[in-house]
Amino acid sequence: MKSATLPAVRVAPELRNQLEAVLDGNESISAFVEEAVRSAVNYRRIQAEFLARGEQAWQEYQRTGQSRPAAEVFDRIQGRIDARRQALVHQS
């Protein structure tokens, strides 16, 4: 696939200096900007998916009137966190 370019962005000299100060080794400003854009796009995609799931859940609640108690939801979330922590401990 042919690559595309992003528009040039004007920044204050102080910001450019700060950017140059945090570059890793042989990392270029272009590589840094590309990674920053990738991260921002990914964040926004995940955020949009989260909001869509929330809207879907809200619509389902409006339709059925059924929901789960907050304590049950928090317990499930805590279980997922605990399982992930265990998996990370066993990876080390």
PDB file of N, CA and C in Angstrom:
ATOM      1  N   MET A   1       0.834  -1.163   0.000  1.00  0.00           N
ATOM      2  CA  MET A   1       0.000   0.000   0.000  1.00  0.00           C
ATOM      3  C   MET A   1       0.887   1.236   0.000  1.00  0.00           C
ATOM      4  N   LYS A   2       0.497   2.192  -0.777  1.00  0.00           N
ATOM      5  CA  LYS A   2       1.240   3.439  -0.862  1.00  0.00           C
ATOM      6  C   LYS A   2       1.025   4.240   0.413  1.00  0.00           C
ATOM      7  N   SER A   3       2.084   4.859   0.922  1.00  0.00           N
ATOM      8  CA  SER A   3       1.944   5.639   2.152  1.00  0.00           C
ATOM      9  C   SER A   3       1.370   7.016   1.829  1.00  0.00           C
ATOM     10  N   ALA A   4       0.799   7.635   2.861  1.00  0.00           N
ATOM     11  CA  ALA A   4       0.237   8.973   2.733  1.00  0.00           C
ATOM     12  C   ALA A   4       0.932   9.875   3.738  1.00  0.00           C
ATOM     13  N   THR A   5       0.784  11.165   3.560  1.00  0.00           N
ATOM     14  CA  THR A   5       1.406  12.104   4.493  1.00  0.00           C
ATOM     15  C   THR A   5       0.330  12.796   5.310  1.00  0.00           C
ATOM     16  N   LEU A   6       0.725  13.220   6.497  1.00  0.00           N
ATOM     17  CA  LEU A   6      -0.137  14.031   7.342  1.00  0.00           C
ATOM     18  C   LEU A   6       0.223  15.486   7.111  1.00  0.00           C
ATOM     19  N   PRO A   7      -0.707  16.376   7.377  1.00  0.00           N
ATOM     20  CA  PRO A   7      -0.383  17.796   7.196  1.00  0.00           C
ATOM     21  C   PRO A   7       0.707  18.245   8.169  1.00  0.00           C
ATOM     22  N   ALA A   8       1.487  19.205   7.726  1.00  0.00           N
ATOM     23  CA  ALA A   8       2.508  19.789   8.599  1.00  0.00           C
ATOM     24  C   ALA A   8       1.787  20.533   9.723  1.00  0.00           C
ATOM     25  N   VAL A   9       2.357  20.464  10.908  1.00  0.00           N
ATOM     26  CA  VAL A   9       1.746  21.113  12.064  1.00  0.00           C
ATOM     27  C   VAL A   9       2.729  22.116  12.633  1.00  0.00           C
ATOM     28  N   ARG A  10       2.279  23.336  12.784  1.00  0.00           N
ATOM     29  CA  ARG A  10       3.138  24.365  13.376  1.00  0.00           C
ATOM     30  C   ARG A  10       3.008  24.284  14.891  1.00  0.00           C
ATOM     31  N   VAL A  11       4.152  24.322  15.562  1.00  0.00           N
ATOM     32  CA  VAL A  11       4.171  24.290  17.028  1.00  0.00           C
ATOM     33  C   VAL A  11       5.124  25.362  17.533  1.00  0.00           C
ATOM     34  N   ALA A  12       4.930  25.712  18.788  1.00  0.00           N
ATOM     35  CA  ALA A  12       5.835  26.684  19.412  1.00  0.00           C
ATOM     36  C   ALA A  12       7.227  26.071  19.521  1.00  0.00           C
ATOM     37  N   PRO A  13       8.243  26.883  19.409  1.00  0.00           N
ATOM     38  CA  PRO A  13       9.612  26.364  19.512  1.00  0.00           C
ATOM     39  C   PRO A  13       9.852  25.600  20.820  1.00  0.00           C
ATOM     40  N   GLU A  14       9.231  26.044  21.906  1.00  0.00           N
ATOM     41  CA  GLU A  14       9.404  25.352  23.189  1.00  0.00           C
ATOM     42  C   GLU A  14       8.898  23.912  23.105  1.00  0.00           C
ATOM     43  N   LEU A  15       7.754  23.702  22.430  1.00  0.00           N
ATOM     44  CA  LEU A  15       7.211  22.356  22.300  1.00  0.00           C
ATOM     45  C   LEU A  15       8.147  21.482  21.461  1.00  0.00           C
ATOM     46  N   ARG A  16       8.658  22.031  20.388  1.00  0.00           N
ATOM     47  CA  ARG A  16       9.599  21.260  19.569  1.00  0.00           C
ATOM     48  C   ARG A  16      10.839  20.883  20.378  1.00  0.00           C
ATOM     49  N   ASN A  17      11.338  21.812  21.168  1.00  0.00           N
ATOM     50  CA  ASN A  17      12.504  21.519  22.012  1.00  0.00           C
ATOM     51  C   ASN A  17      12.180  20.413  23.013  1.00  0.00           C
ATOM     52  N   GLN A  18      10.992  20.470  23.617  1.00  0.00           N
ATOM     53  CA  GLN A  18      10.587  19.430  24.561  1.00  0.00           C
ATOM     54  C   GLN A  18      10.480  18.085  23.855  1.00  0.00           C
ATOM     55  N   LEU A  19       9.938  18.098  22.647  1.00  0.00           N
ATOM     56  CA  LEU A  19       9.812  16.869  21.865  1.00  0.00           C
ATOM     57  C   LEU A  19      11.184  16.284  21.569  1.00  0.00           C
ATOM     58  N   GLU A  20      12.083  17.097  21.099  1.00  0.00           N
ATOM     59  CA  GLU A  20      13.429  16.610  20.775  1.00  0.00           C
ATOM     60  C   GLU A  20      14.132  16.055  22.012  1.00  0.00           C
ATOM     61  N   ALA A  21      13.827  16.621  23.172  1.00  0.00           N
ATOM     62  CA  ALA A  21      14.470  16.178  24.415  1.00  0.00           C
ATOM     63  C   ALA A  21      13.999  14.791  24.855  1.00  0.00           C
ATOM     64  N   VAL A  22      12.814  14.375  24.406  1.00  0.00           N
ATOM     65  CA  VAL A  22      12.288  13.076  24.854  1.00  0.00           C
ATOM     66  C   VAL A  22      12.394  11.975  23.800  1.00  0.00           C
ATOM     67  N   LEU A  23      12.959  12.269  22.661  1.00  0.00           N
ATOM     68  CA  LEU A  23      13.106  11.244  21.625  1.00  0.00           C
ATOM     69  C   LEU A  23      14.063  10.161  22.098  1.00  0.00           C
ATOM     70  N   ASP A  24      13.742   8.928  21.741  1.00  0.00           N
ATOM     71  CA  ASP A  24      14.601   7.793  22.093  1.00  0.00           C
ATOM     72  C   ASP A  24      15.692   7.618  21.044  1.00  0.00           C
ATOM     73  N   GLY A  25      16.914   7.497  21.486  1.00  0.00           N
ATOM     74  CA  GLY A  25      18.041   7.148  20.622  1.00  0.00           C
ATOM     75  C   GLY A  25      17.980   7.697  19.222  1.00  0.00           C
ATOM     76  N   ASN A  26      17.706   6.806  18.267  1.00  0.00           N
ATOM     77  CA  ASN A  26      17.665   7.190  16.856  1.00  0.00           C
ATOM     78  C   ASN A  26      16.265   7.523  16.377  1.00  0.00           C
ATOM     79  N   GLU A  27      15.320   7.708  17.298  1.00  0.00           N
ATOM     80  CA  GLU A  27      13.935   8.010  16.918  1.00  0.00           C
ATOM     81  C   GLU A  27      13.849   9.387  16.269  1.00  0.00           C
ATOM     82  N   SER A  28      13.094   9.457  15.202  1.00  0.00           N
ATOM     83  CA  SER A  28      12.911  10.740  14.525  1.00  0.00           C
ATOM     84  C   SER A  28      11.618  11.395  15.000  1.00  0.00           C
ATOM     85  N   ILE A  29      11.520  12.687  14.729  1.00  0.00           N
ATOM     86  CA  ILE A  29      10.286  13.392  15.062  1.00  0.00           C
ATOM     87  C   ILE A  29       9.126  12.771  14.286  1.00  0.00           C
ATOM     88  N   SER A  30       9.359  12.416  13.040  1.00  0.00           N
ATOM     89  CA  SER A  30       8.302  11.799  12.231  1.00  0.00           C
ATOM     90  C   SER A  30       7.822  10.500  12.848  1.00  0.00           C
ATOM     91  N   ALA A  31       8.739   9.665  13.314  1.00  0.00           N
ATOM     92  CA  ALA A  31       8.361   8.398  13.940  1.00  0.00           C
ATOM     93  C   ALA A  31       7.573   8.652  15.222  1.00  0.00           C
ATOM     94  N   PHE A  32       8.008   9.642  15.994  1.00  0.00           N
ATOM     95  CA  PHE A  32       7.309   9.991  17.224  1.00  0.00           C
ATOM     96  C   PHE A  32       5.888  10.450  16.923  1.00  0.00           C
ATOM     97  N   VAL A  33       5.754  11.340  15.948  1.00  0.00           N
ATOM     98  CA  VAL A  33       4.432  11.863  15.585  1.00  0.00           C
ATOM     99  C   VAL A  33       3.542  10.739  15.064  1.00  0.00           C
ATOM    100  N   GLU A  34       4.101   9.856  14.240  1.00  0.00           N
ATOM    101  CA  GLU A  34       3.307   8.737  13.727  1.00  0.00           C
ATOM    102  C   GLU A  34       2.793   7.872  14.871  1.00  0.00           C
ATOM    103  N   GLU A  35       3.655   7.561  15.828  1.00  0.00           N
ATOM    104  CA  GLU A  35       3.241   6.742  16.967  1.00  0.00           C
ATOM    105  C   GLU A  35       2.196   7.461  17.815  1.00  0.00           C
ATOM    106  N   ALA A  36       2.357   8.763  17.996  1.00  0.00           N
ATOM    107  CA  ALA A  36       1.383   9.545  18.761  1.00  0.00           C
ATOM    108  C   ALA A  36       0.017   9.540  18.073  1.00  0.00           C
ATOM    109  N   VAL A  37       0.018   9.685  16.757  1.00  0.00           N
ATOM    110  CA  VAL A  37      -1.232   9.664  15.997  1.00  0.00           C
ATOM    111  C   VAL A  37      -1.868   8.278  16.088  1.00  0.00           C
ATOM    112  N   ARG A  38      -1.058   7.231  15.935  1.00  0.00           N
ATOM    113  CA  ARG A  38      -1.574   5.862  16.075  1.00  0.00           C
ATOM    114  C   ARG A  38      -2.234   5.644  17.427  1.00  0.00           C
ATOM    115  N   SER A  39      -1.560   6.093  18.481  1.00  0.00           N
ATOM    116  CA  SER A  39      -2.092   5.933  19.833  1.00  0.00           C
ATOM    117  C   SER A  39      -3.400   6.700  20.000  1.00  0.00           C
ATOM    118  N   ALA A  40      -3.447   7.909  19.490  1.00  0.00           N
ATOM    119  CA  ALA A  40      -4.660   8.719  19.605  1.00  0.00           C
ATOM    120  C   ALA A  40      -5.816   8.100  18.828  1.00  0.00           C
ATOM    121  N   VAL A  41      -5.536   7.595  17.641  1.00  0.00           N
ATOM    122  CA  VAL A  41      -6.579   6.946  16.834  1.00  0.00           C
ATOM    123  C   VAL A  41      -7.086   5.704  17.553  1.00  0.00           C
ATOM    124  N   ASN A  42      -6.182   4.904  18.088  1.00  0.00           N
ATOM    125  CA  ASN A  42      -6.571   3.696  18.810  1.00  0.00           C
ATOM    126  C   ASN A  42      -7.410   4.045  20.038  1.00  0.00           C
ATOM    127  N   TYR A  43      -6.990   5.071  20.781  1.00  0.00           N
ATOM    128  CA  TYR A  43      -7.734   5.504  21.956  1.00  0.00           C
ATOM    129  C   TYR A  43      -9.155   5.924  21.573  1.00  0.00           C
ATOM    130  N   ARG A  44      -9.265   6.699  20.530  1.00  0.00           N
ATOM    131  CA  ARG A  44     -10.588   7.172  20.105  1.00  0.00           C
ATOM    132  C   ARG A  44     -11.460   6.023  19.616  1.00  0.00           C
ATOM    133  N   ARG A  45     -10.855   5.039  18.931  1.00  0.00           N
ATOM    134  CA  ARG A  45     -11.616   3.875  18.467  1.00  0.00           C
ATOM    135  C   ARG A  45     -12.157   3.098  19.662  1.00  0.00           C
ATOM    136  N   ILE A  46     -11.283   2.862  20.648  1.00  0.00           N
ATOM    137  CA  ILE A  46     -11.704   2.129  21.848  1.00  0.00           C
ATOM    138  C   ILE A  46     -12.766   2.919  22.602  1.00  0.00           C
ATOM    139  N   GLN A  47     -12.594   4.219  22.695  1.00  0.00           N
ATOM    140  CA  GLN A  47     -13.571   5.067  23.370  1.00  0.00           C
ATOM    141  C   GLN A  47     -14.929   5.001  22.666  1.00  0.00           C
ATOM    142  N   ALA A  48     -14.929   5.063  21.332  1.00  0.00           N
ATOM    143  CA  ALA A  48     -16.177   5.000  20.572  1.00  0.00           C
ATOM    144  C   ALA A  48     -16.862   3.646  20.770  1.00  0.00           C
ATOM    145  N   GLU A  49     -16.087   2.564  20.788  1.00  0.00           N
ATOM    146  CA  GLU A  49     -16.654   1.232  21.019  1.00  0.00           C
ATOM    147  C   GLU A  49     -17.259   1.139  22.412  1.00  0.00           C
ATOM    148  N   PHE A  50     -16.560   1.703  23.399  1.00  0.00           N
ATOM    149  CA  PHE A  50     -17.061   1.704  24.775  1.00  0.00           C
ATOM    150  C   PHE A  50     -18.391   2.458  24.857  1.00  0.00           C
ATOM    151  N   LEU A  51     -18.430   3.634  24.248  1.00  0.00           N
ATOM    152  CA  LEU A  51     -19.664   4.420  24.269  1.00  0.00           C
ATOM    153  C   LEU A  51     -20.792   3.702  23.549  1.00  0.00           C
ATOM    154  N   ALA A  52     -20.484   3.024  22.454  1.00  0.00           N
ATOM    155  CA  ALA A  52     -21.502   2.272  21.723  1.00  0.00           C
ATOM    156  C   ALA A  52     -22.061   1.138  22.586  1.00  0.00           C
ATOM    157  N   ARG A  53     -21.171   0.434  23.311  1.00  0.00           N
ATOM    158  CA  ARG A  53     -21.641  -0.639  24.209  1.00  0.00           C
ATOM    159  C   ARG A  53     -22.509  -0.073  25.317  1.00  0.00           C
ATOM    160  N   GLY A  54     -22.118   1.087  25.848  1.00  0.00           N
ATOM    161  CA  GLY A  54     -22.911   1.732  26.889  1.00  0.00           C
ATOM    162  C   GLY A  54     -24.272   2.134  26.369  1.00  0.00           C
ATOM    163  N   GLU A  55     -24.320   2.686  25.185  1.00  0.00           N
ATOM    164  CA  GLU A  55     -25.601   3.082  24.581  1.00  0.00           C
ATOM    165  C   GLU A  55     -26.470   1.859  24.327  1.00  0.00           C
ATOM    166  N   GLN A  56     -25.847   0.779  23.846  1.00  0.00           N
ATOM    167  CA  GLN A  56     -26.588  -0.457  23.609  1.00  0.00           C
ATOM    168  C   GLN A  56     -27.163  -0.996  24.920  1.00  0.00           C
ATOM    169  N   ALA A  57     -26.373  -0.961  25.985  1.00  0.00           N
ATOM    170  CA  ALA A  57     -26.849  -1.432  27.292  1.00  0.00           C
ATOM    171  C   ALA A  57     -27.988  -0.552  27.787  1.00  0.00           C
ATOM    172  N   TRP A  58     -27.866   0.748  27.593  1.00  0.00           N
ATOM    173  CA  TRP A  58     -28.916   1.667  28.014  1.00  0.00           C
ATOM    174  C   TRP A  58     -30.213   1.403  27.239  1.00  0.00           C
ATOM    175  N   GLN A  59     -30.089   1.192  25.940  1.00  0.00           N
ATOM    176  CA  GLN A  59     -31.274   0.892  25.128  1.00  0.00           C
ATOM    177  C   GLN A  59     -31.927  -0.413  25.575  1.00  0.00           C
ATOM    178  N   GLU A  60     -31.097  -1.408  25.896  1.00  0.00           N
ATOM    179  CA  GLU A  60     -31.621  -2.690  26.373  1.00  0.00           C
ATOM    180  C   GLU A  60     -32.343  -2.502  27.706  1.00  0.00           C
ATOM    181  N   TYR A  61     -31.770  -1.690  28.580  1.00  0.00           N
ATOM    182  CA  TYR A  61     -32.435  -1.416  29.858  1.00  0.00           C
ATOM    183  C   TYR A  61     -33.756  -0.697  29.621  1.00  0.00           C
ATOM    184  N   GLN A  62     -33.763   0.276  28.730  1.00  0.00           N
ATOM    185  CA  GLN A  62     -35.008   1.011  28.425  1.00  0.00           C
ATOM    186  C   GLN A  62     -36.069   0.060  27.890  1.00  0.00           C
ATOM    187  N   ARG A  63     -35.637  -0.904  27.100  1.00  0.00           N
ATOM    188  CA  ARG A  63     -36.576  -1.852  26.485  1.00  0.00           C
ATOM    189  C   ARG A  63     -37.114  -2.852  27.496  1.00  0.00           C
ATOM    190  N   THR A  64     -36.234  -3.364  28.366  1.00  0.00           N
ATOM    191  CA  THR A  64     -36.637  -4.460  29.264  1.00  0.00           C
ATOM    192  C   THR A  64     -36.870  -4.028  30.706  1.00  0.00           C
ATOM    193  N   GLY A  65     -36.226  -2.933  31.137  1.00  0.00           N
ATOM    194  CA  GLY A  65     -36.333  -2.512  32.524  1.00  0.00           C
ATOM    195  C   GLY A  65     -35.489  -3.365  33.458  1.00  0.00           C
ATOM    196  N   GLN A  66     -34.711  -4.287  32.896  1.00  0.00           N
ATOM    197  CA  GLN A  66     -33.885  -5.165  33.714  1.00  0.00           C
ATOM    198  C   GLN A  66     -32.445  -4.660  33.738  1.00  0.00           C
ATOM    199  N   SER A  67     -31.878  -4.725  34.928  1.00  0.00           N
ATOM    200  CA  SER A  67     -30.476  -4.329  35.085  1.00  0.00           C
ATOM    201  C   SER A  67     -29.829  -5.219  36.132  1.00  0.00           C
ATOM    202  N   ARG A  68     -28.548  -5.025  36.326  1.00  0.00           N
ATOM    203  CA  ARG A  68     -27.798  -5.786  37.320  1.00  0.00           C
ATOM    204  C   ARG A  68     -27.430  -4.847  38.466  1.00  0.00           C
ATOM    205  N   PRO A  69     -27.424  -5.369  39.681  1.00  0.00           N
ATOM    206  CA  PRO A  69     -27.012  -4.523  40.809  1.00  0.00           C
ATOM    207  C   PRO A  69     -25.543  -4.103  40.656  1.00  0.00           C
ATOM    208  N   ALA A  70     -25.237  -2.907  41.098  1.00  0.00           N
ATOM    209  CA  ALA A  70     -23.870  -2.376  40.980  1.00  0.00           C
ATOM    210  C   ALA A  70     -22.868  -3.298  41.656  1.00  0.00           C
ATOM    211  N   ALA A  71     -23.216  -3.854  42.805  1.00  0.00           N
ATOM    212  CA  ALA A  71     -22.285  -4.738  43.521  1.00  0.00           C
ATOM    213  C   ALA A  71     -21.902  -5.938  42.660  1.00  0.00           C
ATOM    214  N   GLU A  72     -22.857  -6.473  41.920  1.00  0.00           N
ATOM    215  CA  GLU A  72     -22.577  -7.616  41.039  1.00  0.00           C
ATOM    216  C   GLU A  72     -21.618  -7.203  39.922  1.00  0.00           C
ATOM    217  N   VAL A  73     -21.850  -6.040  39.356  1.00  0.00           N
ATOM    218  CA  VAL A  73     -20.983  -5.544  38.278  1.00  0.00           C
ATOM    219  C   VAL A  73     -19.568  -5.321  38.808  1.00  0.00           C
ATOM    220  N   PHE A  74     -19.455  -4.682  39.969  1.00  0.00           N
ATOM    221  CA  PHE A  74     -18.137  -4.435  40.549  1.00  0.00           C
ATOM    222  C   PHE A  74     -17.419  -5.739  40.882  1.00  0.00           C
ATOM    223  N   ASP A  75     -18.162  -6.727  41.371  1.00  0.00           N
ATOM    224  CA  ASP A  75     -17.550  -8.031  41.672  1.00  0.00           C
ATOM    225  C   ASP A  75     -16.998  -8.681  40.405  1.00  0.00           C
ATOM    226  N   ARG A  76     -17.743  -8.586  39.311  1.00  0.00           N
ATOM    227  CA  ARG A  76     -17.278  -9.166  38.047  1.00  0.00           C
ATOM    228  C   ARG A  76     -16.022  -8.442  37.557  1.00  0.00           C
ATOM    229  N   ILE A  77     -16.026  -7.123  37.673  1.00  0.00           N
ATOM    230  CA  ILE A  77     -14.858  -6.347  37.250  1.00  0.00           C
ATOM    231  C   ILE A  77     -13.655  -6.708  38.112  1.00  0.00           C
ATOM    232  N   GLN A  78     -13.872  -6.804  39.419  1.00  0.00           N
ATOM    233  CA  GLN A  78     -12.775  -7.158  40.314  1.00  0.00           C
ATOM    234  C   GLN A  78     -12.235  -8.544  39.980  1.00  0.00           C
ATOM    235  N   GLY A  79     -13.108  -9.463  39.635  1.00  0.00           N
ATOM    236  CA  GLY A  79     -12.677 -10.801  39.234  1.00  0.00           C
ATOM    237  C   GLY A  79     -11.802 -10.760  38.000  1.00  0.00           C
ATOM    238  N   ARG A  80     -12.162  -9.927  37.039  1.00  0.00           N
ATOM    239  CA  ARG A  80     -11.353  -9.790  35.827  1.00  0.00           C
ATOM    240  C   ARG A  80      -9.990  -9.182  36.140  1.00  0.00           C
ATOM    241  N   ILE A  81      -9.974  -8.190  37.029  1.00  0.00           N
ATOM    242  CA  ILE A  81      -8.711  -7.569  37.428  1.00  0.00           C
ATOM    243  C   ILE A  81      -7.824  -8.589  38.121  1.00  0.00           C
ATOM    244  N   ASP A  82      -8.405  -9.343  39.057  1.00  0.00           N
ATOM    245  CA  ASP A  82      -7.634 -10.349  39.796  1.00  0.00           C
ATOM    246  C   ASP A  82      -7.069 -11.411  38.855  1.00  0.00           C
ATOM    247  N   ALA A  83      -7.878 -11.853  37.891  1.00  0.00           N
ATOM    248  CA  ALA A  83      -7.421 -12.864  36.939  1.00  0.00           C
ATOM    249  C   ALA A  83      -6.271 -12.322  36.092  1.00  0.00           C
ATOM    250  N   ARG A  84      -6.370 -11.082  35.681  1.00  0.00           N
ATOM    251  CA  ARG A  84      -5.309 -10.475  34.865  1.00  0.00           C
ATOM    252  C   ARG A  84      -4.025 -10.335  35.673  1.00  0.00           C
ATOM    253  N   ARG A  85      -4.164  -9.930  36.936  1.00  0.00           N
ATOM    254  CA  ARG A  85      -2.981  -9.819  37.790  1.00  0.00           C
ATOM    255  C   ARG A  85      -2.301 -11.174  37.942  1.00  0.00           C
ATOM    256  N   GLN A  86      -3.091 -12.213  38.160  1.00  0.00           N
ATOM    257  CA  GLN A  86      -2.528 -13.556  38.306  1.00  0.00           C
ATOM    258  C   GLN A  86      -1.790 -13.966  37.031  1.00  0.00           C
ATOM    259  N   ALA A  87      -2.399 -13.682  35.882  1.00  0.00           N
ATOM    260  CA  ALA A  87      -1.761 -14.033  34.612  1.00  0.00           C
ATOM    261  C   ALA A  87      -0.434 -13.299  34.459  1.00  0.00           C
ATOM    262  N   LEU A  88      -0.391 -12.043  34.857  1.00  0.00           N
ATOM    263  CA  LEU A  88       0.845 -11.265  34.751  1.00  0.00           C
ATOM    264  C   LEU A  88       1.905 -11.779  35.712  1.00  0.00           C
ATOM    265  N   VAL A  89       1.502 -12.199  36.902  1.00  0.00           N
ATOM    266  CA  VAL A  89       2.443 -12.743  37.877  1.00  0.00           C
ATOM    267  C   VAL A  89       3.068 -14.033  37.337  1.00  0.00           C
ATOM    268  N   HIS A  90       2.254 -14.870  36.700  1.00  0.00           N
ATOM    269  CA  HIS A  90       2.753 -16.131  36.178  1.00  0.00           C
ATOM    270  C   HIS A  90       3.601 -15.943  34.928  1.00  0.00           C
ATOM    271  N   GLN A  91       3.482 -14.821  34.253  1.00  0.00           N
ATOM    272  CA  GLN A  91       4.315 -14.549  33.081  1.00  0.00           C
ATOM    273  C   GLN A  91       5.732 -14.174  33.493  1.00  0.00           C
ATOM    274  N   SER A  92       5.864 -13.555  34.641  1.00  0.00           N
ATOM    275  CA  SER A  92       7.175 -13.059  35.089  1.00  0.00           C
ATOM    276  C   SER A  92       8.127 -14.161  35.449  1.00  0.00           C
TER     277      SER A  92
END
